[in-house]
PDB file of N, CA and C in Angstrom:
ATOM      1  N   MET A   1     -16.152  17.185  -6.489  1.00  0.00           N
ATOM      2  CA  MET A   1     -15.308  16.003  -6.401  1.00  0.00           C
ATOM      3  C   MET A   1     -16.141  14.781  -6.791  1.00  0.00           C
ATOM      4  N   THR A   2     -15.588  13.938  -7.636  1.00  0.00           N
ATOM      5  CA  THR A   2     -16.297  12.741  -8.064  1.00  0.00           C
ATOM      6  C   THR A   2     -15.445  11.504  -7.808  1.00  0.00           C
ATOM      7  N   ALA A   3     -16.111  10.380  -7.725  1.00  0.00           N
ATOM      8  CA  ALA A   3     -15.418   9.102  -7.540  1.00  0.00           C
ATOM      9  C   ALA A   3     -14.870   8.623  -8.876  1.00  0.00           C
ATOM     10  N   THR A   4     -13.804   7.859  -8.817  1.00  0.00           N
ATOM     11  CA  THR A   4     -13.266   7.198  -9.997  1.00  0.00           C
ATOM     12  C   THR A   4     -13.557   5.706  -9.847  1.00  0.00           C
ATOM     13  N   VAL A   5     -14.236   5.138 -10.844  1.00  0.00           N
ATOM     14  CA  VAL A   5     -14.637   3.742 -10.776  1.00  0.00           C
ATOM     15  C   VAL A   5     -14.147   3.012 -12.022  1.00  0.00           C
ATOM     16  N   ILE A   6     -13.452   1.903 -11.813  1.00  0.00           N
ATOM     17  CA  ILE A   6     -13.116   0.982 -12.895  1.00  0.00           C
ATOM     18  C   ILE A   6     -13.858  -0.303 -12.551  1.00  0.00           C
ATOM     19  N   GLY A   7     -14.924  -0.584 -13.280  1.00  0.00           N
ATOM     20  CA  GLY A   7     -15.785  -1.710 -12.953  1.00  0.00           C
ATOM     21  C   GLY A   7     -15.159  -3.069 -13.199  1.00  0.00           C
ATOM     22  N   ASP A   8     -14.222  -3.153 -14.147  1.00  0.00           N
ATOM     23  CA  ASP A   8     -13.615  -4.437 -14.487  1.00  0.00           C
ATOM     24  C   ASP A   8     -12.174  -4.195 -14.941  1.00  0.00           C
ATOM     25  N   LEU A   9     -11.230  -4.463 -14.062  1.00  0.00           N
ATOM     26  CA  LEU A   9      -9.819  -4.257 -14.400  1.00  0.00           C
ATOM     27  C   LEU A   9      -9.380  -5.141 -15.556  1.00  0.00           C
ATOM     28  N   SER A  10      -9.945  -6.329 -15.662  1.00  0.00           N
ATOM     29  CA  SER A  10      -9.564  -7.213 -16.766  1.00  0.00           C
ATOM     30  C   SER A  10      -9.955  -6.615 -18.106  1.00  0.00           C
ATOM     31  N   ALA A  11     -11.084  -5.943 -18.167  1.00  0.00           N
ATOM     32  CA  ALA A  11     -11.509  -5.290 -19.416  1.00  0.00           C
ATOM     33  C   ALA A  11     -10.651  -4.056 -19.691  1.00  0.00           C
ATOM     34  N   ALA A  12     -10.261  -3.342 -18.643  1.00  0.00           N
ATOM     35  CA  ALA A  12      -9.431  -2.147 -18.809  1.00  0.00           C
ATOM     36  C   ALA A  12      -8.008  -2.504 -19.217  1.00  0.00           C
ATOM     37  N   LEU A  13      -7.581  -3.736 -18.891  1.00  0.00           N
ATOM     38  CA  LEU A  13      -6.221  -4.198 -19.173  1.00  0.00           C
ATOM     39  C   LEU A  13      -6.269  -5.564 -19.848  1.00  0.00           C
ATOM     40  N   PRO A  14      -6.691  -5.628 -21.111  1.00  0.00           N
ATOM     41  CA  PRO A  14      -6.748  -6.926 -21.781  1.00  0.00           C
ATOM     42  C   PRO A  14      -5.355  -7.536 -21.917  1.00  0.00           C
ATOM     43  N   LEU A  15      -5.297  -8.847 -21.807  1.00  0.00           N
ATOM     44  CA  LEU A  15      -4.022  -9.556 -21.910  1.00  0.00           C
ATOM     45  C   LEU A  15      -3.531  -9.565 -23.351  1.00  0.00           C
ATOM     46  N   PRO A  16      -2.288  -9.155 -23.569  1.00  0.00           N
ATOM     47  CA  PRO A  16      -1.734  -9.214 -24.929  1.00  0.00           C
ATOM     48  C   PRO A  16      -1.340 -10.652 -25.282  1.00  0.00           C
ATOM     49  N   GLU A  17      -1.370 -10.967 -26.573  1.00  0.00           N
ATOM     50  CA  GLU A  17      -0.917 -12.295 -27.010  1.00  0.00           C
ATOM     51  C   GLU A  17       0.594 -12.415 -26.869  1.00  0.00           C
ATOM     52  N   ASP A  18       1.270 -11.279 -27.034  1.00  0.00           N
ATOM     53  CA  ASP A  18       2.716 -11.241 -26.899  1.00  0.00           C
ATOM     54  C   ASP A  18       3.078  -9.853 -26.383  1.00  0.00           C
ATOM     55  N   GLY A  19       4.078  -9.770 -25.552  1.00  0.00           N
ATOM     56  CA  GLY A  19       4.533  -8.473 -25.081  1.00  0.00           C
ATOM     57  C   GLY A  19       3.872  -8.042 -23.787  1.00  0.00           C
ATOM     58  N   THR A  20       4.022  -6.761 -23.519  1.00  0.00           N
ATOM     59  CA  THR A  20       3.506  -6.142 -22.304  1.00  0.00           C
ATOM     60  C   THR A  20       2.730  -4.895 -22.687  1.00  0.00           C
ATOM     61  N   HIS A  21       1.619  -4.686 -22.029  1.00  0.00           N
ATOM     62  CA  HIS A  21       0.805  -3.500 -22.262  1.00  0.00           C
ATOM     63  C   HIS A  21       0.692  -2.757 -20.937  1.00  0.00           C
ATOM     64  N   SER A  22       0.880  -1.440 -20.957  1.00  0.00           N
ATOM     65  CA  SER A  22       0.696  -0.652 -19.736  1.00  0.00           C
ATOM     66  C   SER A  22      -0.219   0.527 -20.041  1.00  0.00           C
ATOM     67  N   ARG A  23      -0.936   0.947 -19.011  1.00  0.00           N
ATOM     68  CA  ARG A  23      -1.892   2.047 -19.173  1.00  0.00           C
ATOM     69  C   ARG A  23      -2.045   2.772 -17.850  1.00  0.00           C
ATOM     70  N   VAL A  24      -1.987   4.104 -17.888  1.00  0.00           N
ATOM     71  CA  VAL A  24      -2.255   4.890 -16.689  1.00  0.00           C
ATOM     72  C   VAL A  24      -3.763   4.839 -16.451  1.00  0.00           C
ATOM     73  N   LEU A  25      -4.156   4.329 -15.288  1.00  0.00           N
ATOM     74  CA  LEU A  25      -5.564   4.191 -14.956  1.00  0.00           C
ATOM     75  C   LEU A  25      -6.086   5.356 -14.136  1.00  0.00           C
ATOM     76  N   TYR A  26      -5.185   5.988 -13.394  1.00  0.00           N
ATOM     77  CA  TYR A  26      -5.584   7.124 -12.554  1.00  0.00           C
ATOM     78  C   TYR A  26      -4.357   7.973 -12.284  1.00  0.00           C
ATOM     79  N   ARG A  27      -4.579   9.281 -12.278  1.00  0.00           N
ATOM     80  CA  ARG A  27      -3.493  10.202 -11.957  1.00  0.00           C
ATOM     81  C   ARG A  27      -4.094  11.477 -11.386  1.00  0.00           C
ATOM     82  N   ASP A  28      -3.513  11.939 -10.309  1.00  0.00           N
ATOM     83  CA  ASP A  28      -3.814  13.272  -9.802  1.00  0.00           C
ATOM     84  C   ASP A  28      -2.498  13.871  -9.315  1.00  0.00           C
ATOM     85  N   GLU A  29      -2.560  14.957  -8.572  1.00  0.00           N
ATOM     86  CA  GLU A  29      -1.321  15.634  -8.174  1.00  0.00           C
ATOM     87  C   GLU A  29      -0.521  14.862  -7.138  1.00  0.00           C
ATOM     88  N   ARG A  30      -1.105  13.816  -6.525  1.00  0.00           N
ATOM     89  CA  ARG A  30      -0.392  13.072  -5.484  1.00  0.00           C
ATOM     90  C   ARG A  30      -0.238  11.580  -5.762  1.00  0.00           C
ATOM     91  N   LEU A  31      -1.030  11.023  -6.668  1.00  0.00           N
ATOM     92  CA  LEU A  31      -1.060   9.578  -6.827  1.00  0.00           C
ATOM     93  C   LEU A  31      -1.141   9.212  -8.307  1.00  0.00           C
ATOM     94  N   ARG A  32      -0.488   8.105  -8.658  1.00  0.00           N
ATOM     95  CA  ARG A  32      -0.556   7.585 -10.033  1.00  0.00           C
ATOM     96  C   ARG A  32      -0.700   6.076  -9.961  1.00  0.00           C
ATOM     97  N   VAL A  33      -1.667   5.536 -10.714  1.00  0.00           N
ATOM     98  CA  VAL A  33      -1.913   4.103 -10.758  1.00  0.00           C
ATOM     99  C   VAL A  33      -1.761   3.655 -12.213  1.00  0.00           C
ATOM    100  N   VAL A  34      -0.849   2.694 -12.420  1.00  0.00           N
ATOM    101  CA  VAL A  34      -0.584   2.178 -13.766  1.00  0.00           C
ATOM    102  C   VAL A  34      -0.926   0.692 -13.770  1.00  0.00           C
ATOM    103  N   GLY A  35      -1.687   0.273 -14.765  1.00  0.00           N
ATOM    104  CA  GLY A  35      -1.993  -1.137 -14.937  1.00  0.00           C
ATOM    105  C   GLY A  35      -1.057  -1.745 -15.955  1.00  0.00           C
ATOM    106  N   PHE A  36      -0.613  -2.956 -15.689  1.00  0.00           N
ATOM    107  CA  PHE A  36       0.250  -3.697 -16.610  1.00  0.00           C
ATOM    108  C   PHE A  36      -0.406  -5.032 -16.926  1.00  0.00           C
ATOM    109  N   ALA A  37      -0.398  -5.404 -18.205  1.00  0.00           N
ATOM    110  CA  ALA A  37      -0.839  -6.727 -18.634  1.00  0.00           C
ATOM    111  C   ALA A  37       0.337  -7.380 -19.354  1.00  0.00           C
ATOM    112  N   PHE A  38       0.657  -8.589 -18.953  1.00  0.00           N
ATOM    113  CA  PHE A  38       1.820  -9.306 -19.477  1.00  0.00           C
ATOM    114  C   PHE A  38       1.390 -10.597 -20.152  1.00  0.00           C
ATOM    115  N   ALA A  39       1.961 -10.905 -21.303  1.00  0.00           N
ATOM    116  CA  ALA A  39       1.879 -12.253 -21.854  1.00  0.00           C
ATOM    117  C   ALA A  39       2.839 -13.118 -21.039  1.00  0.00           C
ATOM    118  N   ALA A  40       2.618 -14.420 -21.034  1.00  0.00           N
ATOM    119  CA  ALA A  40       3.511 -15.331 -20.308  1.00  0.00           C
ATOM    120  C   ALA A  40       4.948 -15.151 -20.792  1.00  0.00           C
ATOM    121  N   GLY A  41       5.867 -15.091 -19.846  1.00  0.00           N
ATOM    122  CA  GLY A  41       7.285 -14.973 -20.170  1.00  0.00           C
ATOM    123  C   GLY A  41       7.783 -13.550 -20.334  1.00  0.00           C
ATOM    124  N   GLN A  42       6.887 -12.577 -20.339  1.00  0.00           N
ATOM    125  CA  GLN A  42       7.305 -11.180 -20.495  1.00  0.00           C
ATOM    126  C   GLN A  42       7.793 -10.623 -19.158  1.00  0.00           C
ATOM    127  N   GLU A  43       8.636  -9.597 -19.232  1.00  0.00           N
ATOM    128  CA  GLU A  43       9.204  -9.063 -17.994  1.00  0.00           C
ATOM    129  C   GLU A  43       9.497  -7.574 -18.083  1.00  0.00           C
ATOM    130  N   LEU A  44       9.623  -7.006 -16.901  1.00  0.00           N
ATOM    131  CA  LEU A  44      10.193  -5.676 -16.722  1.00  0.00           C
ATOM    132  C   LEU A  44      11.560  -5.927 -16.106  1.00  0.00           C
ATOM    133  N   THR A  45      12.616  -5.611 -16.834  1.00  0.00           N
ATOM    134  CA  THR A  45      13.959  -5.878 -16.327  1.00  0.00           C
ATOM    135  C   THR A  45      14.252  -4.988 -15.123  1.00  0.00           C
ATOM    136  N   GLU A  46      15.336  -5.293 -14.439  1.00  0.00           N
ATOM    137  CA  GLU A  46      15.654  -4.585 -13.200  1.00  0.00           C
ATOM    138  C   GLU A  46      15.666  -3.075 -13.404  1.00  0.00           C
ATOM    139  N   HIS A  47      15.007  -2.395 -12.484  1.00  0.00           N
ATOM    140  CA  HIS A  47      14.918  -0.938 -12.508  1.00  0.00           C
ATOM    141  C   HIS A  47      14.612  -0.463 -11.090  1.00  0.00           C
ATOM    142  N   THR A  48      14.556   0.842 -10.908  1.00  0.00           N
ATOM    143  CA  THR A  48      14.181   1.425  -9.620  1.00  0.00           C
ATOM    144  C   THR A  48      13.118   2.480  -9.860  1.00  0.00           C
ATOM    145  N   SER A  49      12.490   2.912  -8.795  1.00  0.00           N
ATOM    146  CA  SER A  49      11.514   3.996  -8.841  1.00  0.00           C
ATOM    147  C   SER A  49      11.966   5.082  -7.877  1.00  0.00           C
ATOM    148  N   ALA A  50      11.791   6.320  -8.269  1.00  0.00           N
ATOM    149  CA  ALA A  50      12.154   7.436  -7.385  1.00  0.00           C
ATOM    150  C   ALA A  50      11.177   7.563  -6.219  1.00  0.00           C
ATOM    151  N   LEU A  51       9.998   6.942  -6.347  1.00  0.00           N
ATOM    152  CA  LEU A  51       8.974   7.001  -5.306  1.00  0.00           C
ATOM    153  C   LEU A  51       8.691   5.608  -4.763  1.00  0.00           C
ATOM    154  N   PRO A  52       8.155   5.507  -3.543  1.00  0.00           N
ATOM    155  CA  PRO A  52       7.670   4.214  -3.072  1.00  0.00           C
ATOM    156  C   PRO A  52       6.525   3.747  -3.978  1.00  0.00           C
ATOM    157  N   VAL A  53       6.409   2.427  -4.159  1.00  0.00           N
ATOM    158  CA  VAL A  53       5.326   1.889  -4.985  1.00  0.00           C
ATOM    159  C   VAL A  53       4.682   0.701  -4.285  1.00  0.00           C
ATOM    160  N   VAL A  54       3.442   0.411  -4.698  1.00  0.00           N
ATOM    161  CA  VAL A  54       2.734  -0.789  -4.265  1.00  0.00           C
ATOM    162  C   VAL A  54       2.375  -1.577  -5.511  1.00  0.00           C
ATOM    163  N   ILE A  55       2.668  -2.886  -5.481  1.00  0.00           N
ATOM    164  CA  ILE A  55       2.298  -3.801  -6.561  1.00  0.00           C
ATOM    165  C   ILE A  55       1.158  -4.673  -6.048  1.00  0.00           C
ATOM    166  N   GLN A  56       0.088  -4.771  -6.841  1.00  0.00           N
ATOM    167  CA  GLN A  56      -1.036  -5.648  -6.532  1.00  0.00           C
ATOM    168  C   GLN A  56      -1.279  -6.540  -7.740  1.00  0.00           C
ATOM    169  N   VAL A  57      -1.325  -7.840  -7.524  1.00  0.00           N
ATOM    170  CA  VAL A  57      -1.568  -8.777  -8.613  1.00  0.00           C
ATOM    171  C   VAL A  57      -3.069  -9.027  -8.722  1.00  0.00           C
ATOM    172  N   ILE A  58      -3.596  -8.820  -9.915  1.00  0.00           N
ATOM    173  CA  ILE A  58      -5.018  -8.995 -10.179  1.00  0.00           C
ATOM    174  C   ILE A  58      -5.284 -10.374 -10.787  1.00  0.00           C
ATOM    175  N   ARG A  59      -4.371 -10.803 -11.663  1.00  0.00           N
ATOM    176  CA  ARG A  59      -4.558 -12.063 -12.390  1.00  0.00           C
ATOM    177  C   ARG A  59      -3.184 -12.637 -12.713  1.00  0.00           C
ATOM    178  N   GLY A  60      -3.055 -13.958 -12.708  1.00  0.00           N
ATOM    179  CA  GLY A  60      -1.817 -14.608 -13.125  1.00  0.00           C
ATOM    180  C   GLY A  60      -0.825 -14.786 -11.991  1.00  0.00           C
ATOM    181  N   ARG A  61       0.432 -14.993 -12.391  1.00  0.00           N
ATOM    182  CA  ARG A  61       1.527 -15.182 -11.435  1.00  0.00           C
ATOM    183  C   ARG A  61       2.748 -14.421 -11.930  1.00  0.00           C
ATOM    184  N   LEU A  62       3.407 -13.785 -10.991  1.00  0.00           N
ATOM    185  CA  LEU A  62       4.606 -13.005 -11.297  1.00  0.00           C
ATOM    186  C   LEU A  62       5.750 -13.468 -10.416  1.00  0.00           C
ATOM    187  N   ASP A  63       6.933 -13.612 -10.997  1.00  0.00           N
ATOM    188  CA  ASP A  63       8.149 -13.796 -10.220  1.00  0.00           C
ATOM    189  C   ASP A  63       8.768 -12.420 -10.045  1.00  0.00           C
ATOM    190  N   LEU A  64       8.988 -12.040  -8.801  1.00  0.00           N
ATOM    191  CA  LEU A  64       9.549 -10.729  -8.491  1.00  0.00           C
ATOM    192  C   LEU A  64      10.923 -10.899  -7.862  1.00  0.00           C
ATOM    193  N   VAL A  65      11.837 -10.027  -8.226  1.00  0.00           N
ATOM    194  CA  VAL A  65      13.117  -9.907  -7.529  1.00  0.00           C
ATOM    195  C   VAL A  65      13.095  -8.510  -6.921  1.00  0.00           C
ATOM    196  N   LEU A  66      13.148  -8.460  -5.593  1.00  0.00           N
ATOM    197  CA  LEU A  66      13.041  -7.217  -4.827  1.00  0.00           C
ATOM    198  C   LEU A  66      14.334  -7.031  -4.059  1.00  0.00           C
ATOM    199  N   GLY A  67      15.247  -6.268  -4.626  1.00  0.00           N
ATOM    200  CA  GLY A  67      16.580  -6.187  -4.038  1.00  0.00           C
ATOM    201  C   GLY A  67      17.234  -7.555  -4.155  1.00  0.00           C
ATOM    202  N   GLU A  68      17.550  -8.186  -3.029  1.00  0.00           N
ATOM    203  CA  GLU A  68      18.155  -9.519  -3.014  1.00  0.00           C
ATOM    204  C   GLU A  68      17.114 -10.624  -2.814  1.00  0.00           C
ATOM    205  N   GLU A  69      15.861 -10.253  -2.583  1.00  0.00           N
ATOM    206  CA  GLU A  69      14.801 -11.221  -2.265  1.00  0.00           C
ATOM    207  C   GLU A  69      14.018 -11.619  -3.513  1.00  0.00           C
ATOM    208  N   LYS A  70      13.744 -12.909  -3.641  1.00  0.00           N
ATOM    209  CA  LYS A  70      12.899 -13.416  -4.727  1.00  0.00           C
ATOM    210  C   LYS A  70      11.589 -13.888  -4.128  1.00  0.00           C
ATOM    211  N   THR A  71      10.475 -13.591  -4.823  1.00  0.00           N
ATOM    212  CA  THR A  71       9.171 -14.015  -4.341  1.00  0.00           C
ATOM    213  C   THR A  71       8.234 -14.231  -5.516  1.00  0.00           C
ATOM    214  N   GLU A  72       7.222 -15.055  -5.296  1.00  0.00           N
ATOM    215  CA  GLU A  72       6.180 -15.249  -6.295  1.00  0.00           C
ATOM    216  C   GLU A  72       4.944 -14.499  -5.822  1.00  0.00           C
ATOM    217  N   ALA A  73       4.327 -13.761  -6.726  1.00  0.00           N
ATOM    218  CA  ALA A  73       3.122 -13.014  -6.395  1.00  0.00           C
ATOM    219  C   ALA A  73       1.954 -13.593  -7.192  1.00  0.00           C
ATOM    220  N   ARG A  74       0.822 -13.754  -6.518  1.00  0.00           N
ATOM    221  CA  ARG A  74      -0.400 -14.317  -7.102  1.00  0.00           C
ATOM    222  C   ARG A  74      -1.541 -13.336  -6.891  1.00  0.00           C
ATOM    223  N   PRO A  75      -2.696 -13.608  -7.486  1.00  0.00           N
ATOM    224  CA  PRO A  75      -3.836 -12.716  -7.249  1.00  0.00           C
ATOM    225  C   PRO A  75      -4.077 -12.525  -5.753  1.00  0.00           C
ATOM    226  N   GLY A  76      -4.237 -11.287  -5.375  1.00  0.00           N
ATOM    227  CA  GLY A  76      -4.409 -10.937  -3.972  1.00  0.00           C
ATOM    228  C   GLY A  76      -3.119 -10.525  -3.297  1.00  0.00           C
ATOM    229  N   SER A  77      -1.961 -10.761  -3.931  1.00  0.00           N
ATOM    230  CA  SER A  77      -0.684 -10.339  -3.338  1.00  0.00           C
ATOM    231  C   SER A  77      -0.601  -8.815  -3.303  1.00  0.00           C
ATOM    232  N   TRP A  78       0.011  -8.305  -2.248  1.00  0.00           N
ATOM    233  CA  TRP A  78       0.208  -6.869  -2.055  1.00  0.00           C
ATOM    234  C   TRP A  78       1.644  -6.675  -1.614  1.00  0.00           C
ATOM    235  N   ILE A  79       2.403  -5.888  -2.374  1.00  0.00           N
ATOM    236  CA  ILE A  79       3.833  -5.693  -2.094  1.00  0.00           C
ATOM    237  C   ILE A  79       4.138  -4.200  -2.112  1.00  0.00           C
ATOM    238  N   ARG A  80       4.742  -3.693  -1.038  1.00  0.00           N
ATOM    239  CA  ARG A  80       5.180  -2.285  -0.996  1.00  0.00           C
ATOM    240  C   ARG A  80       6.687  -2.250  -1.118  1.00  0.00           C
ATOM    241  N   LEU A  81       7.163  -1.420  -2.046  1.00  0.00           N
ATOM    242  CA  LEU A  81       8.602  -1.263  -2.254  1.00  0.00           C
ATOM    243  C   LEU A  81       9.011   0.157  -1.876  1.00  0.00           C
ATOM    244  N   PRO A  82      10.090   0.297  -1.142  1.00  0.00           N
ATOM    245  CA  PRO A  82      10.590   1.643  -0.862  1.00  0.00           C
ATOM    246  C   PRO A  82      11.197   2.251  -2.128  1.00  0.00           C
ATOM    247  N   ALA A  83      11.313   3.538  -2.146  1.00  0.00           N
ATOM    248  CA  ALA A  83      11.958   4.228  -3.272  1.00  0.00           C
ATOM    249  C   ALA A  83      13.374   3.692  -3.468  1.00  0.00           C
ATOM    250  N   ARG A  84      13.774   3.604  -4.709  1.00  0.00           N
ATOM    251  CA  ARG A  84      15.134   3.243  -5.132  1.00  0.00           C
ATOM    252  C   ARG A  84      15.527   1.783  -4.882  1.00  0.00           C
ATOM    253  N   LEU A  85      14.597   0.917  -4.514  1.00  0.00           N
ATOM    254  CA  LEU A  85      14.927  -0.501  -4.363  1.00  0.00           C
ATOM    255  C   LEU A  85      14.952  -1.149  -5.754  1.00  0.00           C
ATOM    256  N   PRO A  86      16.080  -1.717  -6.171  1.00  0.00           N
ATOM    257  CA  PRO A  86      16.108  -2.391  -7.475  1.00  0.00           C
ATOM    258  C   PRO A  86      15.116  -3.554  -7.478  1.00  0.00           C
ATOM    259  N   HIS A  87      14.354  -3.677  -8.559  1.00  0.00           N
ATOM    260  CA  HIS A  87      13.386  -4.761  -8.654  1.00  0.00           C
ATOM    261  C   HIS A  87      13.116  -5.115 -10.114  1.00  0.00           C
ATOM    262  N   SER A  88      12.651  -6.350 -10.316  1.00  0.00           N
ATOM    263  CA  SER A  88      12.259  -6.801 -11.652  1.00  0.00           C
ATOM    264  C   SER A  88      10.997  -7.646 -11.514  1.00  0.00           C
ATOM    265  N   VAL A  89      10.272  -7.769 -12.627  1.00  0.00           N
ATOM    266  CA  VAL A  89       8.998  -8.484 -12.661  1.00  0.00           C
ATOM    267  C   VAL A  89       9.008  -9.390 -13.882  1.00  0.00           C
ATOM    268  N   ARG A  90       8.626 -10.669 -13.699  1.00  0.00           N
ATOM    269  CA  ARG A  90       8.507 -11.602 -14.827  1.00  0.00           C
ATOM    270  C   ARG A  90       7.210 -12.382 -14.681  1.00  0.00           C
ATOM    271  N   ALA A  91       6.411 -12.383 -15.738  1.00  0.00           N
ATOM    272  CA  ALA A  91       5.141 -13.116 -15.729  1.00  0.00           C
ATOM    273  C   ALA A  91       5.392 -14.580 -16.073  1.00  0.00           C
ATOM    274  N   THR A  92       4.997 -15.488 -15.193  1.00  0.00           N
ATOM    275  CA  THR A  92       5.137 -16.909 -15.478  1.00  0.00           C
ATOM    276  C   THR A  92       3.907 -17.448 -16.205  1.00  0.00           C
ATOM    277  N   GLU A  93       2.852 -16.653 -16.254  1.00  0.00           N
ATOM    278  CA  GLU A  93       1.640 -16.951 -17.021  1.00  0.00           C
ATOM    279  C   GLU A  93       1.009 -15.601 -17.371  1.00  0.00           C
ATOM    280  N   PRO A  94       0.024 -15.559 -18.265  1.00  0.00           N
ATOM    281  CA  PRO A  94      -0.599 -14.269 -18.571  1.00  0.00           C
ATOM    282  C   PRO A  94      -1.056 -13.604 -17.265  1.00  0.00           C
ATOM    283  N   SER A  95      -0.683 -12.340 -17.083  1.00  0.00           N
ATOM    284  CA  SER A  95      -0.869 -11.694 -15.780  1.00  0.00           C
ATOM    285  C   SER A  95      -1.269 -10.233 -15.924  1.00  0.00           C
ATOM    286  N   VAL A  96      -1.954  -9.756 -14.891  1.00  0.00           N
ATOM    287  CA  VAL A  96      -2.332  -8.343 -14.784  1.00  0.00           C
ATOM    288  C   VAL A  96      -1.934  -7.867 -13.394  1.00  0.00           C
ATOM    289  N   MET A  97      -1.274  -6.706 -13.328  1.00  0.00           N
ATOM    290  CA  MET A  97      -0.909  -6.123 -12.036  1.00  0.00           C
ATOM    291  C   MET A  97      -1.176  -4.627 -12.043  1.00  0.00           C
ATOM    292  N   LEU A  98      -1.364  -4.094 -10.854  1.00  0.00           N
ATOM    293  CA  LEU A  98      -1.471  -2.653 -10.664  1.00  0.00           C
ATOM    294  C   LEU A  98      -0.215  -2.171  -9.966  1.00  0.00           C
ATOM    295  N   LEU A  99       0.292  -1.040 -10.413  1.00  0.00           N
ATOM    296  CA  LEU A  99       1.423  -0.382  -9.779  1.00  0.00           C
ATOM    297  C   LEU A  99       0.943   0.991  -9.330  1.00  0.00           C
ATOM    298  N   THR A 100       0.969   1.223  -8.021  1.00  0.00           N
ATOM    299  CA  THR A 100       0.550   2.498  -7.471  1.00  0.00           C
ATOM    300  C   THR A 100       1.775   3.237  -6.980  1.00  0.00           C
ATOM    301  N   MET A 101       2.021   4.397  -7.565  1.00  0.00           N
ATOM    302  CA  MET A 101       3.139   5.245  -7.122  1.00  0.00           C
ATOM    303  C   MET A 101       2.630   6.127  -5.992  1.00  0.00           C
ATOM    304  N   LEU A 102       3.271   5.993  -4.842  1.00  0.00           N
ATOM    305  CA  LEU A 102       2.834   6.686  -3.641  1.00  0.00           C
ATOM    306  C   LEU A 102       3.506   8.048  -3.520  1.00  0.00           C
ATOM    307  N   PRO A 103       2.871   8.949  -2.806  1.00  0.00           N
ATOM    308  CA  PRO A 103       3.505  10.259  -2.589  1.00  0.00           C
ATOM    309  C   PRO A 103       4.836  10.085  -1.865  1.00  0.00           C
ATOM    310  N   ASP A 104       5.762  10.934  -2.180  1.00  0.00           N
ATOM    311  CA  ASP A 104       7.065  10.933  -1.510  1.00  0.00           C
ATOM    312  C   ASP A 104       6.901  11.607  -0.161  1.00  0.00           C
ATOM    313  N   ALA A 105       6.986  10.827   0.920  1.00  0.00           N
ATOM    314  CA  ALA A 105       6.781  11.371   2.258  1.00  0.00           C
ATOM    315  C   ALA A 105       7.801  12.457   2.577  1.00  0.00           C
ATOM    316  N   ALA A 106       9.013  12.327   2.060  1.00  0.00           N
ATOM    317  CA  ALA A 106      10.045  13.323   2.318  1.00  0.00           C
ATOM    318  C   ALA A 106       9.729  14.634   1.610  1.00  0.00           C
ATOM    319  N   GLY A 107       9.049  14.531   0.474  1.00  0.00           N
ATOM    320  CA  GLY A 107       8.726  15.735  -0.288  1.00  0.00           C
ATOM    321  C   GLY A 107       7.367  16.305   0.027  1.00  0.00           C
ATOM    322  N   ALA A 108       6.598  15.617   0.900  1.00  0.00           N
ATOM    323  CA  ALA A 108       5.239  16.068   1.219  1.00  0.00           C
ATOM    324  C   ALA A 108       5.239  17.169   2.244  1.00  0.00           C
TER     325      ALA A 108
END
């Protein structure tokens, strides 16, 4: 068994000049971590996830709509969403976030 180390998330997820870039940073049989880099004004339109997820903001600012709730996320923000909660993400400035898909407790 070995450790997985990403020394610099900003280098692993460079900010695009336009659009959104995503990359799977880690995956095993129970966990998946996806990094997203957004140019200002880019978004992930409303969608749901079959699994619970955690959003962590590394850089920038994101406007999130979580079900009926609106919130702004900044570096250091940590947000857990239950499975199937409709949500959307919009970058108000160039931003980097991590999305961690958690194991399904019901299926574990």
